[in-house]
Amino acid sequence: MSYLANFYHHFYGPEDGRKWIFVHGLMGYGQNWRRIISSLEATEHCLAYDQRGHGRSFQPPEGYSPEDYANDLKKIVDELGWDKFILVGHSMGGRNVLNFASRFPQYLSHLVIEDIGPEGNPQAHEYYEYLLNLVPSPFASREEAKRYFFEDFVKTAKTRENVQVMANYFYSNMEEKPNGTVDWRFSKQAIIDSVRLGRQGDRWAEVGSLKVPTLLVRGGNSKELSRENYEKMLAHNSMIKGVEIPNAGHWVHSDQPQAFIEALKMFVGGF
């Protein structure tokens, strides 16, 4: 059986184009990249997929460290026969592509890390565990889920981000199940494990080991990647160049898509 068949995925653009892979963040899915890919697909060949435990991909009971995610990616590209490509990762996906690039640099012509740092935080998963456990899923219907998120959740949840934005994001991750109930699109345990395993120690050694041209993108208003850590990463390895995009938070490619696209163009030499 094809390994790629475990993952909900889409290819875009001409098969003879330069190859790109886009890796989404925590609780995300491949379609989060659609707006960015739409600006590349006339000439570039792009793959976006839902990572394990996310979206419509397989949801094993364990295996949610950056190493596990990176191993998935290696198996996918080996199956496809892709020996050189540009790799872009946002947030948790940025941590996963950092691990991939540090272990398998021979595959990459360029690496893009969007708004994530390598620092550890053994308690980081507690925030997501709190938010996910607030939600009394499964719901009997989509209407019940909508009422909960936009009435109860916005009044009670203590979020680092805008609570309305988080309510929208959580609601977008609800789907109808075969039995008619509405529940998470992703595996809740996978989300908690991904943060716990990804943040249990720092990954500065991986930053220092990078051997491929790397672009580090920070949102000017980001609360996820501090300016201090952003500047520290740039100083840590001369292969890393940085761009800070104004009027963007953690979701740089969503908050300022055109600026993000222009940053990619400058980095890889146009498309």
C-alpha atoms as a PDB file:
ATOM      1  CA  MET A   1       0.000   0.000   0.000  1.00  0.00           C
ATOM      2  CA  SER A   2       1.162   3.518  -0.785  1.00  0.00           C
ATOM      3  CA  TYR A   3       2.414   5.408   2.262  1.00  0.00           C
ATOM      4  CA  LEU A   4       1.051   8.666   0.858  1.00  0.00           C
ATOM      5  CA  ALA A   5      -2.409   7.061   0.868  1.00  0.00           C
ATOM      6  CA  ASN A   6      -2.401   7.509   4.667  1.00  0.00           C
ATOM      7  CA  PHE A   7      -2.575  11.260   4.135  1.00  0.00           C
ATOM      8  CA  TYR A   8      -5.268  13.482   2.688  1.00  0.00           C
ATOM      9  CA  HIS A   9      -3.303  15.484   0.148  1.00  0.00           C
ATOM     10  CA  HIS A  10      -3.407  17.552  -3.023  1.00  0.00           C
ATOM     11  CA  PHE A  11      -0.902  18.279  -5.765  1.00  0.00           C
ATOM     12  CA  TYR A  12      -1.010  21.594  -7.601  1.00  0.00           C
ATOM     13  CA  GLY A  13       0.741  22.981 -10.654  1.00  0.00           C
ATOM     14  CA  PRO A  14       2.689  21.374 -13.518  1.00  0.00           C
ATOM     15  CA  GLU A  15       4.551  18.171 -12.722  1.00  0.00           C
ATOM     16  CA  ASP A  16       7.694  19.514 -14.385  1.00  0.00           C
ATOM     17  CA  GLY A  17       7.709  22.612 -12.183  1.00  0.00           C
ATOM     18  CA  ARG A  18      10.008  23.234  -9.260  1.00  0.00           C
ATOM     19  CA  LYS A  19       8.832  21.153  -6.310  1.00  0.00           C
ATOM     20  CA  TRP A  20       7.436  22.584  -3.057  1.00  0.00           C
ATOM     21  CA  ILE A  21       5.956  20.969   0.053  1.00  0.00           C
ATOM     22  CA  PHE A  22       3.809  22.959   2.492  1.00  0.00           C
ATOM     23  CA  VAL A  23       3.391  21.737   6.076  1.00  0.00           C
ATOM     24  CA  HIS A  24       0.593  23.177   8.232  1.00  0.00           C
ATOM     25  CA  GLY A  25       0.580  23.981  11.940  1.00  0.00           C
ATOM     26  CA  LEU A  26      -1.110  22.572  15.019  1.00  0.00           C
ATOM     27  CA  MET A  27      -4.815  21.783  14.492  1.00  0.00           C
ATOM     28  CA  GLY A  28      -4.427  22.839  10.855  1.00  0.00           C
ATOM     29  CA  TYR A  29      -4.679  20.992   7.548  1.00  0.00           C
ATOM     30  CA  GLY A  30      -3.227  21.209   4.077  1.00  0.00           C
ATOM     31  CA  GLN A  31      -5.907  23.526   2.715  1.00  0.00           C
ATOM     32  CA  ASN A  32      -4.639  26.250   5.057  1.00  0.00           C
ATOM     33  CA  TRP A  33      -2.037  26.887   2.340  1.00  0.00           C
ATOM     34  CA  ARG A  34      -4.456  27.192  -0.569  1.00  0.00           C
ATOM     35  CA  ARG A  35      -4.228  30.974  -0.943  1.00  0.00           C
ATOM     36  CA  ILE A  36      -0.431  30.896  -1.004  1.00  0.00           C
ATOM     37  CA  ILE A  37      -0.247  27.963  -3.405  1.00  0.00           C
ATOM     38  CA  SER A  38      -2.666  29.668  -5.797  1.00  0.00           C
ATOM     39  CA  SER A  39       0.062  32.248  -6.487  1.00  0.00           C
ATOM     40  CA  LEU A  40       2.642  29.567  -7.287  1.00  0.00           C
ATOM     41  CA  GLU A  41       0.756  26.882  -9.165  1.00  0.00           C
ATOM     42  CA  ALA A  42       1.060  28.399 -12.645  1.00  0.00           C
ATOM     43  CA  THR A  43       4.722  27.358 -12.738  1.00  0.00           C
ATOM     44  CA  GLU A  44       5.506  25.456  -9.508  1.00  0.00           C
ATOM     45  CA  HIS A  45       4.578  21.891  -8.512  1.00  0.00           C
ATOM     46  CA  CYS A  46       3.233  21.918  -4.947  1.00  0.00           C
ATOM     47  CA  LEU A  47       2.151  19.300  -2.424  1.00  0.00           C
ATOM     48  CA  ALA A  48       0.062  20.124   0.642  1.00  0.00           C
ATOM     49  CA  TYR A  49      -1.163  17.406   2.977  1.00  0.00           C
ATOM     50  CA  ASP A  50      -2.849  16.904   6.331  1.00  0.00           C
ATOM     51  CA  GLN A  51      -0.234  15.644   8.778  1.00  0.00           C
ATOM     52  CA  ARG A  52      -0.884  12.532  10.881  1.00  0.00           C
ATOM     53  CA  GLY A  53      -3.553  13.087  13.512  1.00  0.00           C
ATOM     54  CA  HIS A  54      -4.879  16.111  11.624  1.00  0.00           C
ATOM     55  CA  GLY A  55      -7.640  16.765   9.134  1.00  0.00           C
ATOM     56  CA  ARG A  56      -8.595  13.724   7.071  1.00  0.00           C
ATOM     57  CA  SER A  57      -5.318  11.838   7.435  1.00  0.00           C
ATOM     58  CA  PHE A  58      -4.755   8.726   9.499  1.00  0.00           C
ATOM     59  CA  GLN A  59      -4.814   9.135  13.268  1.00  0.00           C
ATOM     60  CA  PRO A  60      -2.573   6.577  14.956  1.00  0.00           C
ATOM     61  CA  PRO A  61      -2.739   6.412  18.780  1.00  0.00           C
ATOM     62  CA  GLU A  62       0.885   7.566  19.142  1.00  0.00           C
ATOM     63  CA  GLY A  63       3.810   8.959  17.183  1.00  0.00           C
ATOM     64  CA  TYR A  64       3.500  12.751  17.430  1.00  0.00           C
ATOM     65  CA  SER A  65       7.037  13.992  17.991  1.00  0.00           C
ATOM     66  CA  PRO A  66       8.756  16.214  15.399  1.00  0.00           C
ATOM     67  CA  GLU A  67      10.832  13.154  14.505  1.00  0.00           C
ATOM     68  CA  ASP A  68       7.673  11.151  13.744  1.00  0.00           C
ATOM     69  CA  TYR A  69       6.264  13.897  11.538  1.00  0.00           C
ATOM     70  CA  ALA A  70       9.610  14.298   9.763  1.00  0.00           C
ATOM     71  CA  ASN A  71       9.841  10.555   9.195  1.00  0.00           C
ATOM     72  CA  ASP A  72       6.407  10.671   7.544  1.00  0.00           C
ATOM     73  CA  LEU A  73       7.658  13.362   5.195  1.00  0.00           C
ATOM     74  CA  LYS A  74      10.759  11.370   4.302  1.00  0.00           C
ATOM     75  CA  LYS A  75       8.669   8.310   3.478  1.00  0.00           C
ATOM     76  CA  ILE A  76       6.373  10.433   1.311  1.00  0.00           C
ATOM     77  CA  VAL A  77       9.162  12.037  -0.728  1.00  0.00           C
ATOM     78  CA  ASP A  78      11.022   8.761  -1.108  1.00  0.00           C
ATOM     79  CA  GLU A  79       7.856   7.183  -2.457  1.00  0.00           C
ATOM     80  CA  LEU A  80       7.362  10.103  -4.858  1.00  0.00           C
ATOM     81  CA  GLY A  81      11.005  10.070  -5.920  1.00  0.00           C
ATOM     82  CA  TRP A  82      11.442  13.726  -4.992  1.00  0.00           C
ATOM     83  CA  ASP A  83      15.146  14.208  -4.351  1.00  0.00           C
ATOM     84  CA  LYS A  84      15.180  18.026  -4.196  1.00  0.00           C
ATOM     85  CA  PHE A  85      12.437  20.411  -3.135  1.00  0.00           C
ATOM     86  CA  ILE A  86      11.563  23.587  -1.233  1.00  0.00           C
ATOM     87  CA  LEU A  87      10.052  22.941   2.192  1.00  0.00           C
ATOM     88  CA  VAL A  88       7.761  25.401   4.000  1.00  0.00           C
ATOM     89  CA  GLY A  89       6.393  24.862   7.522  1.00  0.00           C
ATOM     90  CA  HIS A  90       4.198  27.011   9.764  1.00  0.00           C
ATOM     91  CA  SER A  91       4.156  26.885  13.568  1.00  0.00           C
ATOM     92  CA  MET A  92       4.258  23.232  14.690  1.00  0.00           C
ATOM     93  CA  GLY A  93       4.881  22.426  11.026  1.00  0.00           C
ATOM     94  CA  GLY A  94       7.878  24.753  11.222  1.00  0.00           C
ATOM     95  CA  ARG A  95       9.281  22.712  14.066  1.00  0.00           C
ATOM     96  CA  ASN A  96       8.689  19.526  12.090  1.00  0.00           C
ATOM     97  CA  VAL A  97      10.436  20.837   8.974  1.00  0.00           C
ATOM     98  CA  LEU A  98      13.325  22.069  11.133  1.00  0.00           C
ATOM     99  CA  ASN A  99      13.798  18.506  12.325  1.00  0.00           C
ATOM    100  CA  PHE A 100      13.556  17.174   8.763  1.00  0.00           C
ATOM    101  CA  ALA A 101      16.105  19.703   7.484  1.00  0.00           C
ATOM    102  CA  SER A 102      18.551  18.987  10.290  1.00  0.00           C
ATOM    103  CA  ARG A 103      18.442  15.228   9.607  1.00  0.00           C
ATOM    104  CA  PHE A 104      17.910  15.077   5.834  1.00  0.00           C
ATOM    105  CA  PRO A 105      19.447  18.242   4.342  1.00  0.00           C
ATOM    106  CA  GLN A 106      20.281  16.522   1.058  1.00  0.00           C
ATOM    107  CA  TYR A 107      16.613  16.714  -0.002  1.00  0.00           C
ATOM    108  CA  LEU A 108      16.274  20.477   0.282  1.00  0.00           C
ATOM    109  CA  SER A 109      17.172  23.385  -1.944  1.00  0.00           C
ATOM    110  CA  HIS A 110      15.506  25.886   0.431  1.00  0.00           C
ATOM    111  CA  LEU A 111      13.777  25.810   3.822  1.00  0.00           C
ATOM    112  CA  VAL A 112      11.143  28.247   5.116  1.00  0.00           C
ATOM    113  CA  ILE A 113      10.228  28.328   8.815  1.00  0.00           C
ATOM    114  CA  GLU A 114       7.206  30.482   9.620  1.00  0.00           C
ATOM    115  CA  ASP A 115       6.824  31.959  13.088  1.00  0.00           C
ATOM    116  CA  ILE A 116       8.152  29.292  15.416  1.00  0.00           C
ATOM    117  CA  GLY A 117      11.225  29.113  17.641  1.00  0.00           C
ATOM    118  CA  PRO A 118      13.262  26.193  19.001  1.00  0.00           C
ATOM    119  CA  GLU A 119      12.841  26.910  22.710  1.00  0.00           C
ATOM    120  CA  GLY A 120      11.441  24.239  25.014  1.00  0.00           C
ATOM    121  CA  ASN A 121       8.464  24.578  27.355  1.00  0.00           C
ATOM    122  CA  PRO A 122       7.480  21.366  29.182  1.00  0.00           C
ATOM    123  CA  GLN A 123       4.191  22.934  30.298  1.00  0.00           C
ATOM    124  CA  ALA A 124       3.125  24.196  26.861  1.00  0.00           C
ATOM    125  CA  HIS A 125       0.653  21.372  26.256  1.00  0.00           C
ATOM    126  CA  GLU A 126      -1.358  22.319  29.348  1.00  0.00           C
ATOM    127  CA  TYR A 127      -2.847  25.360  27.572  1.00  0.00           C
ATOM    128  CA  TYR A 128      -4.159  23.269  24.670  1.00  0.00           C
ATOM    129  CA  GLU A 129      -5.327  20.527  27.009  1.00  0.00           C
ATOM    130  CA  TYR A 130      -7.319  23.137  28.935  1.00  0.00           C
ATOM    131  CA  LEU A 131      -8.957  24.584  25.804  1.00  0.00           C
ATOM    132  CA  LEU A 132      -9.751  21.236  24.208  1.00  0.00           C
ATOM    133  CA  ASN A 133     -11.193  19.865  27.430  1.00  0.00           C
ATOM    134  CA  LEU A 134     -13.500  22.876  27.712  1.00  0.00           C
ATOM    135  CA  VAL A 135     -15.346  21.705  24.613  1.00  0.00           C
ATOM    136  CA  PRO A 136     -18.162  19.226  25.426  1.00  0.00           C
ATOM    137  CA  SER A 137     -17.844  17.248  22.203  1.00  0.00           C
ATOM    138  CA  PRO A 138     -19.314  15.369  20.489  1.00  0.00           C
ATOM    139  CA  PHE A 139     -22.281  17.595  19.717  1.00  0.00           C
ATOM    140  CA  ALA A 140     -25.653  16.318  18.606  1.00  0.00           C
ATOM    141  CA  SER A 141     -25.681  18.643  15.583  1.00  0.00           C
ATOM    142  CA  ARG A 142     -23.708  21.342  13.809  1.00  0.00           C
ATOM    143  CA  GLU A 143     -26.163  23.916  15.135  1.00  0.00           C
ATOM    144  CA  GLU A 144     -25.424  22.828  18.704  1.00  0.00           C
ATOM    145  CA  ALA A 145     -21.688  23.073  18.066  1.00  0.00           C
ATOM    146  CA  LYS A 146     -22.043  26.533  16.540  1.00  0.00           C
ATOM    147  CA  ARG A 147     -24.119  27.775  19.461  1.00  0.00           C
ATOM    148  CA  TYR A 148     -21.537  26.478  21.938  1.00  0.00           C
ATOM    149  CA  PHE A 149     -18.506  28.077  20.283  1.00  0.00           C
ATOM    150  CA  PHE A 150     -20.057  31.453  19.551  1.00  0.00           C
ATOM    151  CA  GLU A 151     -21.988  31.822  22.789  1.00  0.00           C
ATOM    152  CA  ASP A 152     -20.516  29.744  25.627  1.00  0.00           C
ATOM    153  CA  PHE A 153     -16.894  29.349  24.509  1.00  0.00           C
ATOM    154  CA  VAL A 154     -16.317  33.045  23.794  1.00  0.00           C
ATOM    155  CA  LYS A 155     -17.623  33.907  27.273  1.00  0.00           C
ATOM    156  CA  THR A 156     -15.680  31.333  29.290  1.00  0.00           C
ATOM    157  CA  ALA A 157     -12.432  30.452  27.465  1.00  0.00           C
ATOM    158  CA  LYS A 158      -9.230  32.143  28.595  1.00  0.00           C
ATOM    159  CA  THR A 159      -7.165  32.306  25.420  1.00  0.00           C
ATOM    160  CA  ARG A 160      -3.824  33.883  24.555  1.00  0.00           C
ATOM    161  CA  GLU A 161      -5.229  34.772  21.146  1.00  0.00           C
ATOM    162  CA  ASN A 162      -8.422  36.695  20.391  1.00  0.00           C
ATOM    163  CA  VAL A 163     -11.144  34.428  21.783  1.00  0.00           C
ATOM    164  CA  GLN A 164     -13.435  35.037  18.787  1.00  0.00           C
ATOM    165  CA  VAL A 165     -10.661  33.965  16.405  1.00  0.00           C
ATOM    166  CA  MET A 166     -10.067  30.827  18.462  1.00  0.00           C
ATOM    167  CA  ALA A 167     -13.801  30.049  18.495  1.00  0.00           C
ATOM    168  CA  ASN A 168     -13.873  30.330  14.694  1.00  0.00           C
ATOM    169  CA  TYR A 169     -10.795  28.137  14.353  1.00  0.00           C
ATOM    170  CA  PHE A 170     -12.159  25.466  16.663  1.00  0.00           C
ATOM    171  CA  TYR A 171     -15.544  25.491  14.949  1.00  0.00           C
ATOM    172  CA  SER A 172     -13.847  25.104  11.545  1.00  0.00           C
ATOM    173  CA  ASN A 173     -12.262  21.932  12.929  1.00  0.00           C
ATOM    174  CA  MET A 174     -15.622  20.313  13.649  1.00  0.00           C
ATOM    175  CA  GLU A 175     -17.049  17.759  11.230  1.00  0.00           C
ATOM    176  CA  GLU A 176     -20.066  15.514  11.023  1.00  0.00           C
ATOM    177  CA  LYS A 177     -19.274  11.890  11.855  1.00  0.00           C
ATOM    178  CA  PRO A 178     -20.942   8.820  10.286  1.00  0.00           C
ATOM    179  CA  ASN A 179     -23.256   8.466  13.297  1.00  0.00           C
ATOM    180  CA  GLY A 180     -24.554  12.020  12.795  1.00  0.00           C
ATOM    181  CA  THR A 181     -22.736  13.631  15.710  1.00  0.00           C
ATOM    182  CA  VAL A 182     -20.325  16.537  15.242  1.00  0.00           C
ATOM    183  CA  ASP A 183     -16.828  16.173  16.673  1.00  0.00           C
ATOM    184  CA  TRP A 184     -13.216  17.228  16.142  1.00  0.00           C
ATOM    185  CA  ARG A 185     -11.759  16.775  12.674  1.00  0.00           C
ATOM    186  CA  PHE A 186      -8.392  16.048  14.297  1.00  0.00           C
ATOM    187  CA  SER A 187      -7.347  13.645  17.048  1.00  0.00           C
ATOM    188  CA  LYS A 188      -7.517  15.542  20.343  1.00  0.00           C
ATOM    189  CA  GLN A 189      -4.807  13.367  21.886  1.00  0.00           C
ATOM    190  CA  ALA A 190      -2.591  13.947  18.848  1.00  0.00           C
ATOM    191  CA  ILE A 191      -2.793  17.711  19.390  1.00  0.00           C
ATOM    192  CA  ILE A 192      -1.839  17.453  23.063  1.00  0.00           C
ATOM    193  CA  ASP A 193       0.952  14.946  22.345  1.00  0.00           C
ATOM    194  CA  SER A 194       2.312  17.073  19.490  1.00  0.00           C
ATOM    195  CA  VAL A 195       2.800  20.046  21.797  1.00  0.00           C
ATOM    196  CA  ARG A 196       4.079  17.966  24.699  1.00  0.00           C
ATOM    197  CA  LEU A 197       6.657  16.090  22.598  1.00  0.00           C
ATOM    198  CA  GLY A 198       7.580  19.073  20.454  1.00  0.00           C
ATOM    199  CA  ARG A 199       8.240  21.348  23.419  1.00  0.00           C
ATOM    200  CA  GLN A 200       9.655  18.987  26.025  1.00  0.00           C
ATOM    201  CA  GLY A 201      13.193  20.192  25.258  1.00  0.00           C
ATOM    202  CA  ASP A 202      14.799  22.919  23.192  1.00  0.00           C
ATOM    203  CA  ARG A 203      15.947  22.399  19.605  1.00  0.00           C
ATOM    204  CA  TRP A 204      18.744  24.917  19.291  1.00  0.00           C
ATOM    205  CA  ALA A 205      21.107  22.158  18.163  1.00  0.00           C
ATOM    206  CA  GLU A 206      18.869  21.613  15.131  1.00  0.00           C
ATOM    207  CA  VAL A 207      18.980  25.327  14.316  1.00  0.00           C
ATOM    208  CA  GLY A 208      22.756  25.282  14.547  1.00  0.00           C
ATOM    209  CA  SER A 209      23.040  22.224  12.318  1.00  0.00           C
ATOM    210  CA  LEU A 210      21.116  23.648   9.334  1.00  0.00           C
ATOM    211  CA  LYS A 211      23.099  23.411   6.112  1.00  0.00           C
ATOM    212  CA  VAL A 212      20.509  24.676   3.607  1.00  0.00           C
ATOM    213  CA  PRO A 213      19.477  28.251   2.789  1.00  0.00           C
ATOM    214  CA  THR A 214      16.753  29.025   5.319  1.00  0.00           C
ATOM    215  CA  LEU A 215      14.214  31.836   5.545  1.00  0.00           C
ATOM    216  CA  LEU A 216      12.786  32.594   8.986  1.00  0.00           C
ATOM    217  CA  VAL A 217       9.503  34.515   8.774  1.00  0.00           C
ATOM    218  CA  ARG A 218       8.173  36.361  11.822  1.00  0.00           C
ATOM    219  CA  GLY A 219       4.875  38.185  12.156  1.00  0.00           C
ATOM    220  CA  GLY A 220       5.535  41.668  13.495  1.00  0.00           C
ATOM    221  CA  ASN A 221       2.822  41.200  16.119  1.00  0.00           C
ATOM    222  CA  SER A 222       3.577  37.543  16.864  1.00  0.00           C
ATOM    223  CA  LYS A 223       3.221  36.295  20.429  1.00  0.00           C
ATOM    224  CA  GLU A 224       4.593  32.882  19.427  1.00  0.00           C
ATOM    225  CA  LEU A 225       8.051  33.828  18.112  1.00  0.00           C
ATOM    226  CA  SER A 226       9.514  36.625  20.224  1.00  0.00           C
ATOM    227  CA  ARG A 227      11.764  39.161  18.569  1.00  0.00           C
ATOM    228  CA  GLU A 228      14.503  38.072  20.983  1.00  0.00           C
ATOM    229  CA  ASN A 229      14.343  34.445  19.811  1.00  0.00           C
ATOM    230  CA  TYR A 230      13.966  35.551  16.186  1.00  0.00           C
ATOM    231  CA  GLU A 231      17.187  37.556  16.394  1.00  0.00           C
ATOM    232  CA  LYS A 232      18.910  34.783  18.335  1.00  0.00           C
ATOM    233  CA  MET A 233      18.061  32.280  15.587  1.00  0.00           C
ATOM    234  CA  LEU A 234      19.496  34.583  12.913  1.00  0.00           C
ATOM    235  CA  ALA A 235      22.706  34.967  14.918  1.00  0.00           C
ATOM    236  CA  HIS A 236      22.912  31.228  15.620  1.00  0.00           C
ATOM    237  CA  ASN A 237      23.423  30.117  12.008  1.00  0.00           C
ATOM    238  CA  SER A 238      24.584  32.150   9.024  1.00  0.00           C
ATOM    239  CA  MET A 239      22.431  29.987   6.704  1.00  0.00           C
ATOM    240  CA  ILE A 240      19.315  31.650   8.180  1.00  0.00           C
ATOM    241  CA  LYS A 241      17.991  34.903   6.753  1.00  0.00           C
ATOM    242  CA  GLY A 242      15.042  36.650   8.338  1.00  0.00           C
ATOM    243  CA  VAL A 243      12.034  38.677   7.308  1.00  0.00           C
ATOM    244  CA  GLU A 244       9.642  40.338   9.740  1.00  0.00           C
ATOM    245  CA  ILE A 245       6.250  41.133   8.216  1.00  0.00           C
ATOM    246  CA  PRO A 246       4.357  44.066   9.747  1.00  0.00           C
ATOM    247  CA  ASN A 247       0.679  43.866  10.743  1.00  0.00           C
ATOM    248  CA  ALA A 248       0.806  40.086  11.019  1.00  0.00           C
ATOM    249  CA  GLY A 249       0.460  37.806  14.012  1.00  0.00           C
ATOM    250  CA  HIS A 250       1.364  34.150  14.246  1.00  0.00           C
ATOM    251  CA  TRP A 251      -0.542  33.259  11.047  1.00  0.00           C
ATOM    252  CA  VAL A 252       1.645  35.393   8.810  1.00  0.00           C
ATOM    253  CA  HIS A 253       0.601  33.718   5.552  1.00  0.00           C
ATOM    254  CA  SER A 254      -3.057  34.322   6.412  1.00  0.00           C
ATOM    255  CA  ASP A 255      -2.757  37.817   7.902  1.00  0.00           C
ATOM    256  CA  GLN A 256      -0.513  39.186   5.137  1.00  0.00           C
ATOM    257  CA  PRO A 257      -0.599  36.700   2.243  1.00  0.00           C
ATOM    258  CA  GLN A 258       0.799  39.023  -0.411  1.00  0.00           C
ATOM    259  CA  ALA A 259       3.742  40.047   1.742  1.00  0.00           C
ATOM    260  CA  PHE A 260       4.383  36.397   2.548  1.00  0.00           C
ATOM    261  CA  ILE A 261       4.321  35.481  -1.153  1.00  0.00           C
ATOM    262  CA  GLU A 262       6.726  38.310  -1.973  1.00  0.00           C
ATOM    263  CA  ALA A 263       9.081  37.059   0.750  1.00  0.00           C
ATOM    264  CA  LEU A 264       9.031  33.588  -0.811  1.00  0.00           C
ATOM    265  CA  LYS A 265       9.730  35.041  -4.256  1.00  0.00           C
ATOM    266  CA  MET A 266      12.713  37.037  -3.026  1.00  0.00           C
ATOM    267  CA  PHE A 267      14.083  34.003  -1.199  1.00  0.00           C
ATOM    268  CA  VAL A 268      13.884  31.428  -3.991  1.00  0.00           C
ATOM    269  CA  GLY A 269      14.517  33.756  -6.920  1.00  0.00           C
ATOM    270  CA  GLY A 270      10.994  34.233  -8.245  1.00  0.00           C
ATOM    271  CA  PHE A 271       8.231  31.992  -9.592  1.00  0.00           C
END
